[in-house]
C-alpha atoms as a PDB file:
ATOM      1  CA  MET A   1       9.439  17.147  -7.603  1.00  0.00           C
ATOM      2  CA  ALA A   2       8.759  13.640  -6.310  1.00  0.00           C
ATOM      3  CA  GLY A   3       6.597  13.750  -3.246  1.00  0.00           C
ATOM      4  CA  ASP A   4       5.797  17.455  -3.727  1.00  0.00           C
ATOM      5  CA  THR A   5       2.501  18.115  -1.935  1.00  0.00           C
ATOM      6  CA  THR A   6       2.356  21.879  -2.440  1.00  0.00           C
ATOM      7  CA  ALA A   7      -1.224  23.050  -2.829  1.00  0.00           C
ATOM      8  CA  ARG A   8      -1.962  24.864  -6.093  1.00  0.00           C
ATOM      9  CA  ASP A   9      -4.865  27.238  -6.618  1.00  0.00           C
ATOM     10  CA  ASP A  10      -5.253  27.308 -10.430  1.00  0.00           C
ATOM     11  CA  THR A  11      -6.298  24.564 -12.788  1.00  0.00           C
ATOM     12  CA  THR A  12      -3.470  25.327 -15.223  1.00  0.00           C
ATOM     13  CA  ALA A  13      -1.123  24.141 -12.486  1.00  0.00           C
ATOM     14  CA  ASP A  14      -3.416  21.144 -11.840  1.00  0.00           C
ATOM     15  CA  HIS A  15      -3.072  20.081 -15.498  1.00  0.00           C
ATOM     16  CA  THR A  16       0.665  20.682 -15.401  1.00  0.00           C
ATOM     17  CA  VAL A  17       1.271  18.524 -12.334  1.00  0.00           C
ATOM     18  CA  ALA A  18      -0.993  15.775 -13.692  1.00  0.00           C
ATOM     19  CA  SER A  19       0.956  15.853 -16.970  1.00  0.00           C
ATOM     20  CA  GLU A  20       4.283  15.663 -15.150  1.00  0.00           C
ATOM     21  CA  ALA A  21       3.093  12.683 -13.128  1.00  0.00           C
ATOM     22  CA  ALA A  22       1.749  10.987 -16.260  1.00  0.00           C
ATOM     23  CA  GLU A  23       5.042  11.489 -18.096  1.00  0.00           C
ATOM     24  CA  PHE A  24       6.981   9.966 -15.199  1.00  0.00           C
ATOM     25  CA  ILE A  25       4.704   6.926 -15.109  1.00  0.00           C
ATOM     26  CA  ARG A  26       4.869   6.587 -18.901  1.00  0.00           C
ATOM     27  CA  GLY A  27       8.650   6.476 -18.602  1.00  0.00           C
ATOM     28  CA  ARG A  28       8.420   3.281 -16.577  1.00  0.00           C
ATOM     29  CA  ASP A  29       7.541   1.428 -19.813  1.00  0.00           C
ATOM     30  CA  ALA A  30       4.247   0.089 -18.505  1.00  0.00           C
ATOM     31  CA  ARG A  31       1.361  -0.594 -20.868  1.00  0.00           C
ATOM     32  CA  PRO A  32      -0.989   2.431 -20.949  1.00  0.00           C
ATOM     33  CA  PRO A  33      -3.997   1.652 -18.734  1.00  0.00           C
ATOM     34  CA  ARG A  34      -7.537   1.409 -20.011  1.00  0.00           C
ATOM     35  CA  VAL A  35      -9.030   1.023 -16.510  1.00  0.00           C
ATOM     36  CA  ALA A  36      -8.021   2.883 -13.361  1.00  0.00           C
ATOM     37  CA  LEU A  37      -8.594   0.965 -10.127  1.00  0.00           C
ATOM     38  CA  ILE A  38      -8.695   2.803  -6.799  1.00  0.00           C
ATOM     39  CA  LEU A  39      -8.472   0.227  -4.024  1.00  0.00           C
ATOM     40  CA  GLY A  40      -9.731   1.411  -0.657  1.00  0.00           C
ATOM     41  CA  THR A  41      -8.888   0.568   2.940  1.00  0.00           C
ATOM     42  CA  GLY A  42      -7.837  -3.065   3.285  1.00  0.00           C
ATOM     43  CA  LEU A  43      -8.817  -3.832  -0.324  1.00  0.00           C
ATOM     44  CA  GLY A  44      -5.443  -3.656  -2.060  1.00  0.00           C
ATOM     45  CA  GLY A  45      -5.073  -7.422  -2.491  1.00  0.00           C
ATOM     46  CA  LEU A  46      -6.572  -7.327  -5.984  1.00  0.00           C
ATOM     47  CA  ALA A  47      -3.405  -5.621  -7.204  1.00  0.00           C
ATOM     48  CA  GLU A  48      -1.471  -8.804  -6.457  1.00  0.00           C
ATOM     49  CA  ARG A  49      -3.338 -10.538  -9.292  1.00  0.00           C
ATOM     50  CA  ILE A  50      -2.073  -8.094 -11.918  1.00  0.00           C
ATOM     51  CA  GLU A  51       0.115  -9.795 -14.531  1.00  0.00           C
ATOM     52  CA  SER A  52       3.509  -8.422 -15.614  1.00  0.00           C
ATOM     53  CA  PRO A  53       3.268  -5.746 -12.939  1.00  0.00           C
ATOM     54  CA  VAL A  54       5.208  -2.517 -12.998  1.00  0.00           C
ATOM     55  CA  ILE A  55       5.170  -1.179  -9.439  1.00  0.00           C
ATOM     56  CA  VAL A  56       5.862   2.469  -8.678  1.00  0.00           C
ATOM     57  CA  ASP A  57       5.941   3.906  -5.174  1.00  0.00           C
ATOM     58  CA  TYR A  58       3.858   7.035  -4.760  1.00  0.00           C
ATOM     59  CA  ALA A  59       6.875   8.686  -3.172  1.00  0.00           C
ATOM     60  CA  ASP A  60       8.707   8.469  -6.507  1.00  0.00           C
ATOM     61  CA  ILE A  61       5.950   9.998  -8.657  1.00  0.00           C
ATOM     62  CA  PRO A  62       5.976  13.787  -9.067  1.00  0.00           C
ATOM     63  CA  HIS A  63       3.326  15.514  -6.966  1.00  0.00           C
ATOM     64  CA  PHE A  64       1.819  12.311  -5.529  1.00  0.00           C
ATOM     65  CA  PRO A  65       1.162  12.900  -1.820  1.00  0.00           C
ATOM     66  CA  PRO A  66       2.205  10.210   0.647  1.00  0.00           C
ATOM     67  CA  THR A  67      -0.505   7.983   2.108  1.00  0.00           C
ATOM     68  CA  THR A  68      -0.787   8.177   5.886  1.00  0.00           C
ATOM     69  CA  VAL A  69      -3.555   5.672   6.662  1.00  0.00           C
ATOM     70  CA  ALA A  70      -3.259   2.027   7.740  1.00  0.00           C
ATOM     71  CA  GLY A  71      -4.493  -0.265   4.969  1.00  0.00           C
ATOM     72  CA  HIS A  72      -3.178   1.977   2.168  1.00  0.00           C
ATOM     73  CA  ALA A  73       0.126   0.710   0.758  1.00  0.00           C
ATOM     74  CA  GLY A  74       1.008   3.776  -1.311  1.00  0.00           C
ATOM     75  CA  ARG A  75       1.929   2.020  -4.564  1.00  0.00           C
ATOM     76  CA  LEU A  76       0.752   2.234  -8.163  1.00  0.00           C
ATOM     77  CA  VAL A  77       0.633  -1.135  -9.946  1.00  0.00           C
ATOM     78  CA  LEU A  78       0.371  -1.187 -13.745  1.00  0.00           C
ATOM     79  CA  GLY A  79      -0.095  -4.280 -15.860  1.00  0.00           C
ATOM     80  CA  THR A  80      -2.834  -6.572 -17.151  1.00  0.00           C
ATOM     81  CA  LEU A  81      -5.783  -8.047 -15.254  1.00  0.00           C
ATOM     82  CA  GLU A  82      -8.151 -10.419 -17.061  1.00  0.00           C
ATOM     83  CA  GLY A  83      -6.644  -9.234 -20.330  1.00  0.00           C
ATOM     84  CA  MET A  84      -7.363  -5.578 -19.563  1.00  0.00           C
ATOM     85  CA  PRO A  85      -4.576  -2.987 -19.182  1.00  0.00           C
ATOM     86  CA  VAL A  86      -5.044  -1.497 -15.725  1.00  0.00           C
ATOM     87  CA  ALA A  87      -3.435   0.866 -13.259  1.00  0.00           C
ATOM     88  CA  ALA A  88      -4.282   0.028  -9.661  1.00  0.00           C
ATOM     89  CA  MET A  89      -3.835   2.533  -6.859  1.00  0.00           C
ATOM     90  CA  ARG A  90      -3.025   0.613  -3.703  1.00  0.00           C
ATOM     91  CA  GLY A  91      -4.111   3.378  -1.392  1.00  0.00           C
ATOM     92  CA  ARG A  92      -5.853   6.682  -1.946  1.00  0.00           C
ATOM     93  CA  PHE A  93      -5.839  10.169  -0.458  1.00  0.00           C
ATOM     94  CA  HIS A  94      -8.439  11.720   1.818  1.00  0.00           C
ATOM     95  CA  LEU A  95      -9.535  15.194   2.807  1.00  0.00           C
ATOM     96  CA  TYR A  96      -9.013  14.302   6.461  1.00  0.00           C
ATOM     97  CA  GLU A  97      -5.295  13.817   5.822  1.00  0.00           C
ATOM     98  CA  GLY A  98      -5.107  17.541   5.151  1.00  0.00           C
ATOM     99  CA  TYR A  99      -4.972  17.343   1.373  1.00  0.00           C
ATOM    100  CA  THR A 100      -6.882  19.701  -0.890  1.00  0.00           C
ATOM    101  CA  PRO A 101      -9.613  18.231  -3.113  1.00  0.00           C
ATOM    102  CA  ALA A 102      -7.321  18.844  -6.120  1.00  0.00           C
ATOM    103  CA  GLN A 103      -4.561  16.804  -4.476  1.00  0.00           C
ATOM    104  CA  VAL A 104      -7.006  13.981  -3.721  1.00  0.00           C
ATOM    105  CA  VAL A 105      -7.895  13.622  -7.423  1.00  0.00           C
ATOM    106  CA  HIS A 106      -4.457  14.421  -8.872  1.00  0.00           C
ATOM    107  CA  PRO A 107      -3.444  10.744  -9.342  1.00  0.00           C
ATOM    108  CA  LEU A 108      -6.677   9.973 -11.186  1.00  0.00           C
ATOM    109  CA  ARG A 109      -6.115  12.928 -13.503  1.00  0.00           C
ATOM    110  CA  ALA A 110      -2.665  11.576 -14.282  1.00  0.00           C
ATOM    111  CA  LEU A 111      -4.102   8.153 -15.097  1.00  0.00           C
ATOM    112  CA  ARG A 112      -6.701   9.750 -17.355  1.00  0.00           C
ATOM    113  CA  LEU A 113      -3.917  11.508 -19.256  1.00  0.00           C
ATOM    114  CA  LEU A 114      -2.265   8.106 -19.667  1.00  0.00           C
ATOM    115  CA  GLY A 115      -5.385   6.800 -21.400  1.00  0.00           C
ATOM    116  CA  ALA A 116      -7.665   5.345 -18.706  1.00  0.00           C
ATOM    117  CA  ASP A 117     -11.302   5.854 -19.728  1.00  0.00           C
ATOM    118  CA  THR A 118     -12.986   3.792 -17.001  1.00  0.00           C
ATOM    119  CA  LEU A 119     -12.724   4.098 -13.221  1.00  0.00           C
ATOM    120  CA  ILE A 120     -13.482   1.232 -10.853  1.00  0.00           C
ATOM    121  CA  VAL A 121     -13.300   2.510  -7.302  1.00  0.00           C
ATOM    122  CA  THR A 122     -13.718   0.618  -4.043  1.00  0.00           C
ATOM    123  CA  ASN A 123     -14.030   1.733  -0.459  1.00  0.00           C
ATOM    124  CA  ALA A 124     -14.690   0.524   3.045  1.00  0.00           C
ATOM    125  CA  ALA A 125     -17.938   1.935   4.393  1.00  0.00           C
ATOM    126  CA  GLY A 126     -20.344   1.678   7.291  1.00  0.00           C
ATOM    127  CA  GLY A 127     -23.774   0.235   6.577  1.00  0.00           C
ATOM    128  CA  LEU A 128     -26.870   2.256   7.488  1.00  0.00           C
ATOM    129  CA  ASP A 129     -29.463  -0.483   7.060  1.00  0.00           C
ATOM    130  CA  ALA A 130     -30.211  -2.838   9.944  1.00  0.00           C
ATOM    131  CA  ALA A 131     -30.599  -5.666   7.394  1.00  0.00           C
ATOM    132  CA  GLN A 132     -26.978  -5.279   6.281  1.00  0.00           C
ATOM    133  CA  HIS A 133     -24.061  -7.306   7.592  1.00  0.00           C
ATOM    134  CA  ALA A 134     -20.326  -6.744   7.860  1.00  0.00           C
ATOM    135  CA  GLY A 135     -18.712  -8.011   4.668  1.00  0.00           C
ATOM    136  CA  ASP A 136     -21.654  -7.170   2.392  1.00  0.00           C
ATOM    137  CA  LEU A 137     -20.835  -5.540  -0.960  1.00  0.00           C
ATOM    138  CA  LEU A 138     -22.820  -2.560  -2.240  1.00  0.00           C
ATOM    139  CA  ALA A 139     -22.819  -1.245  -5.799  1.00  0.00           C
ATOM    140  CA  ILE A 140     -23.116   2.521  -5.497  1.00  0.00           C
ATOM    141  CA  ALA A 141     -25.969   3.908  -7.586  1.00  0.00           C
ATOM    142  CA  ASP A 142     -25.725   7.523  -6.414  1.00  0.00           C
ATOM    143  CA  HIS A 143     -24.002   9.609  -3.775  1.00  0.00           C
ATOM    144  CA  ILE A 144     -24.501  12.395  -1.264  1.00  0.00           C
ATOM    145  CA  GLY A 145     -21.223  14.308  -1.027  1.00  0.00           C
ATOM    146  CA  LEU A 146     -21.539  16.448   2.072  1.00  0.00           C
ATOM    147  CA  PRO A 147     -18.001  17.941   1.839  1.00  0.00           C
ATOM    148  CA  THR A 148     -18.251  18.511  -1.921  1.00  0.00           C
ATOM    149  CA  MET A 149     -21.663  20.153  -1.525  1.00  0.00           C
ATOM    150  CA  ALA A 150     -20.157  22.465   1.102  1.00  0.00           C
ATOM    151  CA  GLY A 151     -17.181  23.720  -0.923  1.00  0.00           C
ATOM    152  CA  ARG A 152     -14.607  20.922  -0.729  1.00  0.00           C
ATOM    153  CA  ASN A 153     -15.040  20.139  -4.414  1.00  0.00           C
ATOM    154  CA  PRO A 154     -12.152  19.197  -6.753  1.00  0.00           C
ATOM    155  CA  LEU A 155     -13.657  21.329  -9.549  1.00  0.00           C
ATOM    156  CA  LEU A 156     -13.595  24.614  -7.624  1.00  0.00           C
ATOM    157  CA  GLY A 157     -11.689  27.446  -9.282  1.00  0.00           C
ATOM    158  CA  PRO A 158     -11.158  28.295 -12.951  1.00  0.00           C
ATOM    159  CA  ASN A 159     -12.152  25.423 -15.208  1.00  0.00           C
ATOM    160  CA  ASP A 160      -9.591  23.837 -17.522  1.00  0.00           C
ATOM    161  CA  GLU A 161     -11.368  22.595 -20.648  1.00  0.00           C
ATOM    162  CA  ARG A 162      -8.563  20.082 -21.199  1.00  0.00           C
ATOM    163  CA  PHE A 163     -10.042  18.136 -18.293  1.00  0.00           C
ATOM    164  CA  GLY A 164     -13.723  18.755 -18.969  1.00  0.00           C
ATOM    165  CA  PRO A 165     -16.646  21.223 -19.028  1.00  0.00           C
ATOM    166  CA  ARG A 166     -17.324  23.925 -16.481  1.00  0.00           C
ATOM    167  CA  PHE A 167     -20.594  22.353 -15.283  1.00  0.00           C
ATOM    168  CA  PRO A 168     -20.427  18.553 -15.619  1.00  0.00           C
ATOM    169  CA  ALA A 169     -23.638  16.625 -15.001  1.00  0.00           C
ATOM    170  CA  MET A 170     -23.752  14.052 -12.198  1.00  0.00           C
ATOM    171  CA  THR A 171     -27.192  12.672 -13.111  1.00  0.00           C
ATOM    172  CA  ALA A 172     -25.728   9.275 -14.015  1.00  0.00           C
ATOM    173  CA  ALA A 173     -22.379   9.547 -12.270  1.00  0.00           C
ATOM    174  CA  TYR A 174     -22.316   5.782 -11.686  1.00  0.00           C
ATOM    175  CA  ASP A 175     -22.586   4.137 -15.087  1.00  0.00           C
ATOM    176  CA  PRO A 176     -25.852   2.129 -15.276  1.00  0.00           C
ATOM    177  CA  ALA A 177     -24.444  -0.398 -17.734  1.00  0.00           C
ATOM    178  CA  LEU A 178     -21.403  -1.088 -15.562  1.00  0.00           C
ATOM    179  CA  ARG A 179     -23.614  -1.501 -12.492  1.00  0.00           C
ATOM    180  CA  ALA A 180     -25.864  -3.902 -14.384  1.00  0.00           C
ATOM    181  CA  LEU A 181     -22.792  -5.868 -15.446  1.00  0.00           C
ATOM    182  CA  ALA A 182     -21.553  -5.999 -11.846  1.00  0.00           C
ATOM    183  CA  HIS A 183     -24.919  -7.346 -10.647  1.00  0.00           C
ATOM    184  CA  GLN A 184     -24.904  -9.933 -13.448  1.00  0.00           C
ATOM    185  CA  VAL A 185     -21.393 -11.115 -12.566  1.00  0.00           C
ATOM    186  CA  ALA A 186     -22.294 -11.231  -8.867  1.00  0.00           C
ATOM    187  CA  ALA A 187     -25.399 -13.327  -9.536  1.00  0.00           C
ATOM    188  CA  GLU A 188     -23.454 -15.787 -11.691  1.00  0.00           C
ATOM    189  CA  ARG A 189     -20.800 -16.224  -8.999  1.00  0.00           C
ATOM    190  CA  GLY A 190     -23.159 -16.357  -6.044  1.00  0.00           C
ATOM    191  CA  ILE A 191     -21.776 -13.121  -4.590  1.00  0.00           C
ATOM    192  CA  PRO A 192     -24.421 -11.107  -2.720  1.00  0.00           C
ATOM    193  CA  LEU A 193     -24.411  -7.555  -4.087  1.00  0.00           C
ATOM    194  CA  ARG A 194     -26.718  -4.839  -2.859  1.00  0.00           C
ATOM    195  CA  GLY A 195     -27.302  -1.465  -4.469  1.00  0.00           C
ATOM    196  CA  GLY A 196     -27.705   1.884  -2.811  1.00  0.00           C
ATOM    197  CA  VAL A 197     -26.655   5.435  -2.087  1.00  0.00           C
ATOM    198  CA  TYR A 198     -23.251   6.282  -0.580  1.00  0.00           C
ATOM    199  CA  ALA A 199     -22.837   9.304   1.683  1.00  0.00           C
ATOM    200  CA  MET A 200     -19.429  10.916   2.039  1.00  0.00           C
ATOM    201  CA  VAL A 201     -18.370  12.719   5.194  1.00  0.00           C
ATOM    202  CA  SER A 202     -14.951  14.295   5.645  1.00  0.00           C
ATOM    203  CA  GLY A 203     -13.872  12.416   8.788  1.00  0.00           C
ATOM    204  CA  PRO A 204     -11.586  11.485  10.393  1.00  0.00           C
ATOM    205  CA  ASN A 205     -13.933  10.977  13.337  1.00  0.00           C
ATOM    206  CA  TYR A 206     -16.693   8.433  12.948  1.00  0.00           C
ATOM    207  CA  GLU A 207     -20.233   9.765  12.922  1.00  0.00           C
ATOM    208  CA  THR A 208     -22.390  10.505  15.952  1.00  0.00           C
ATOM    209  CA  PRO A 209     -25.680   8.613  16.410  1.00  0.00           C
ATOM    210  CA  ALA A 210     -27.595  11.764  15.414  1.00  0.00           C
ATOM    211  CA  GLU A 211     -25.515  12.104  12.240  1.00  0.00           C
ATOM    212  CA  LEU A 212     -26.166   8.465  11.367  1.00  0.00           C
ATOM    213  CA  ARG A 213     -29.914   8.974  11.788  1.00  0.00           C
ATOM    214  CA  PHE A 214     -29.697  12.072   9.585  1.00  0.00           C
ATOM    215  CA  LEU A 215     -27.823  10.235   6.818  1.00  0.00           C
ATOM    216  CA  LYS A 216     -30.316   7.385   6.848  1.00  0.00           C
ATOM    217  CA  ALA A 217     -33.217   9.848   6.802  1.00  0.00           C
ATOM    218  CA  VAL A 218     -31.913  11.570   3.654  1.00  0.00           C
ATOM    219  CA  GLY A 219     -31.611   8.278   1.807  1.00  0.00           C
ATOM    220  CA  ALA A 220     -28.081   6.979   2.367  1.00  0.00           C
ATOM    221  CA  HIS A 221     -27.395   3.251   2.639  1.00  0.00           C
ATOM    222  CA  ALA A 222     -23.685   3.499   3.453  1.00  0.00           C
ATOM    223  CA  VAL A 223     -21.301   6.138   4.768  1.00  0.00           C
ATOM    224  CA  GLY A 224     -17.577   6.639   4.248  1.00  0.00           C
ATOM    225  CA  MET A 225     -14.824   9.225   3.946  1.00  0.00           C
ATOM    226  CA  SER A 226     -13.736   8.972   0.301  1.00  0.00           C
ATOM    227  CA  THR A 227     -14.736   8.215  -3.297  1.00  0.00           C
ATOM    228  CA  VAL A 228     -16.982  11.195  -4.124  1.00  0.00           C
ATOM    229  CA  PRO A 229     -14.150  13.605  -5.106  1.00  0.00           C
ATOM    230  CA  GLU A 230     -12.643  10.999  -7.430  1.00  0.00           C
ATOM    231  CA  VAL A 231     -16.022  10.231  -8.992  1.00  0.00           C
ATOM    232  CA  ILE A 232     -16.688  13.927  -9.624  1.00  0.00           C
ATOM    233  CA  ALA A 233     -13.260  14.337 -11.227  1.00  0.00           C
ATOM    234  CA  ALA A 234     -13.724  11.174 -13.300  1.00  0.00           C
ATOM    235  CA  ARG A 235     -17.080  12.293 -14.667  1.00  0.00           C
ATOM    236  CA  HIS A 236     -15.618  15.751 -15.346  1.00  0.00           C
ATOM    237  CA  MET A 237     -13.053  13.996 -17.550  1.00  0.00           C
ATOM    238  CA  GLY A 238     -15.640  11.837 -19.307  1.00  0.00           C
ATOM    239  CA  MET A 239     -14.755   8.563 -17.602  1.00  0.00           C
ATOM    240  CA  ARG A 240     -17.239   5.768 -16.928  1.00  0.00           C
ATOM    241  CA  VAL A 241     -17.482   4.877 -13.231  1.00  0.00           C
ATOM    242  CA  LEU A 242     -18.246   1.722 -11.267  1.00  0.00           C
ATOM    243  CA  ALA A 243     -18.017   1.994  -7.471  1.00  0.00           C
ATOM    244  CA  ILE A 244     -18.296  -0.818  -4.936  1.00  0.00           C
ATOM    245  CA  SER A 245     -18.418  -0.374  -1.163  1.00  0.00           C
ATOM    246  CA  CYS A 246     -17.379  -3.111   1.227  1.00  0.00           C
ATOM    247  CA  LEU A 247     -19.547  -2.734   4.329  1.00  0.00           C
ATOM    248  CA  THR A 248     -17.073  -3.329   7.106  1.00  0.00           C
ATOM    249  CA  ASN A 249     -19.525  -2.663   9.929  1.00  0.00           C
ATOM    250  CA  VAL A 250     -23.197  -1.815  10.331  1.00  0.00           C
ATOM    251  CA  VAL A 251     -23.542   1.535  12.061  1.00  0.00           C
ATOM    252  CA  PHE A 252     -27.313   1.890  11.820  1.00  0.00           C
ATOM    253  CA  SER A 253     -28.726   3.561  14.884  1.00  0.00           C
ATOM    254  CA  ASP A 254     -32.178   4.522  16.033  1.00  0.00           C
ATOM    255  CA  ASP A 255     -33.619   5.956  19.206  1.00  0.00           C
ATOM    256  CA  ALA A 256     -33.731   2.508  20.748  1.00  0.00           C
ATOM    257  CA  GLY A 257     -30.041   2.450  21.461  1.00  0.00           C
ATOM    258  CA  THR A 258     -26.499   3.576  20.769  1.00  0.00           C
ATOM    259  CA  PRO A 259     -24.483   1.767  18.076  1.00  0.00           C
ATOM    260  CA  ALA A 260     -21.261   0.012  18.919  1.00  0.00           C
ATOM    261  CA  GLU A 261     -18.203   2.206  18.527  1.00  0.00           C
ATOM    262  CA  PRO A 262     -16.347   1.465  15.261  1.00  0.00           C
ATOM    263  CA  ASP A 263     -12.645   0.661  15.316  1.00  0.00           C
ATOM    264  CA  HIS A 264     -10.281   1.261  12.370  1.00  0.00           C
ATOM    265  CA  ALA A 265      -8.396  -2.002  12.903  1.00  0.00           C
ATOM    266  CA  GLU A 266     -11.694  -3.890  12.737  1.00  0.00           C
ATOM    267  CA  VAL A 267     -12.637  -1.970   9.578  1.00  0.00           C
ATOM    268  CA  VAL A 268      -9.368  -3.003   7.882  1.00  0.00           C
ATOM    269  CA  ALA A 269      -9.785  -6.630   8.986  1.00  0.00           C
ATOM    270  CA  ALA A 270     -13.369  -6.804   7.695  1.00  0.00           C
ATOM    271  CA  ALA A 271     -12.359  -5.286   4.352  1.00  0.00           C
ATOM    272  CA  GLU A 272      -9.500  -7.738   3.958  1.00  0.00           C
ATOM    273  CA  ALA A 273     -11.837 -10.652   4.755  1.00  0.00           C
ATOM    274  CA  ALA A 274     -14.230  -9.539   2.012  1.00  0.00           C
ATOM    275  CA  GLY A 275     -11.418  -8.758  -0.414  1.00  0.00           C
ATOM    276  CA  ALA A 276     -11.488 -12.130  -2.193  1.00  0.00           C
ATOM    277  CA  ARG A 277     -15.170 -11.793  -3.120  1.00  0.00           C
ATOM    278  CA  LEU A 278     -14.667  -8.200  -4.210  1.00  0.00           C
ATOM    279  CA  GLY A 279     -11.664  -9.239  -6.290  1.00  0.00           C
ATOM    280  CA  GLU A 280     -13.698 -11.958  -8.026  1.00  0.00           C
ATOM    281  CA  LEU A 281     -16.442  -9.456  -8.773  1.00  0.00           C
ATOM    282  CA  ILE A 282     -14.100  -6.872 -10.288  1.00  0.00           C
ATOM    283  CA  ALA A 283     -12.195  -9.519 -12.226  1.00  0.00           C
ATOM    284  CA  GLY A 284     -15.469 -10.741 -13.689  1.00  0.00           C
ATOM    285  CA  VAL A 285     -16.412  -7.222 -14.740  1.00  0.00           C
ATOM    286  CA  LEU A 286     -13.029  -6.664 -16.372  1.00  0.00           C
ATOM    287  CA  ARG A 287     -13.361  -9.969 -18.213  1.00  0.00           C
ATOM    288  CA  ARG A 288     -16.602  -8.728 -19.821  1.00  0.00           C
ATOM    289  CA  LEU A 289     -15.376  -5.274 -20.837  1.00  0.00           C
ATOM    290  CA  PRO A 290     -14.501  -4.869 -24.518  1.00  0.00           C
ATOM    291  CA  THR A 291     -10.738  -5.227 -24.905  1.00  0.00           C
ATOM    292  CA  PRO A 292      -8.904  -2.211 -26.344  1.00  0.00           C
END
């Protein structure tokens, strides 16, 4: 079953495949994680700081899809970071790769079944504020999930109460206490950290100038192609969520001109350059979390 990417339409199957993946990972004798880390494009370097790592290739885990995007290594790293048992996903899955929303969140469901109760998720995003700069970090306070609003939602279909309730609230999807802790750690370490709203689009094309103006008009501060499905699934399962965007380019546009065309290689390079500051921020947050 390793590498099986068959789409499944019922949540009983979703729970079954998550359980099978969790059992496989458990068999690798790693410490059960308390925190799940999803490391976005170019941001996987934090996983190298994990102590006593147990590394598992996605290709070996039942039902984990392969990653197909540059900057996503496709490995799960379990161990301890700042004294906290963690499982770090070096690479995630996207709707634009052709995966279903259920497949995108399948690894997170497996980690929840292993015991993770907190999700820290990172991504590379484009900034929508002319005052922003490439390399800025943004603590997500809320999101606008255009694909999930339009039917590409991981909770579609019959609900499985073993995961969570039929109608989970997203009023405080991004845990206020975790965000406050992140801002406190950032201030103590001299790391600039903005706050704002993240807009998800499906991709894989970058947005048109008109789309960028629309996203800014409806209140978004950053735009990317991930994160929202995982956050919805995490909140469905009762997990606390902290999400940090690395602004790899500023794509703000107005009628005065056309923005520069983004380039994926430049996005990866900018994320990697900011990775050390992001790693320090997350490490500081983990250091302050109550140990299990």
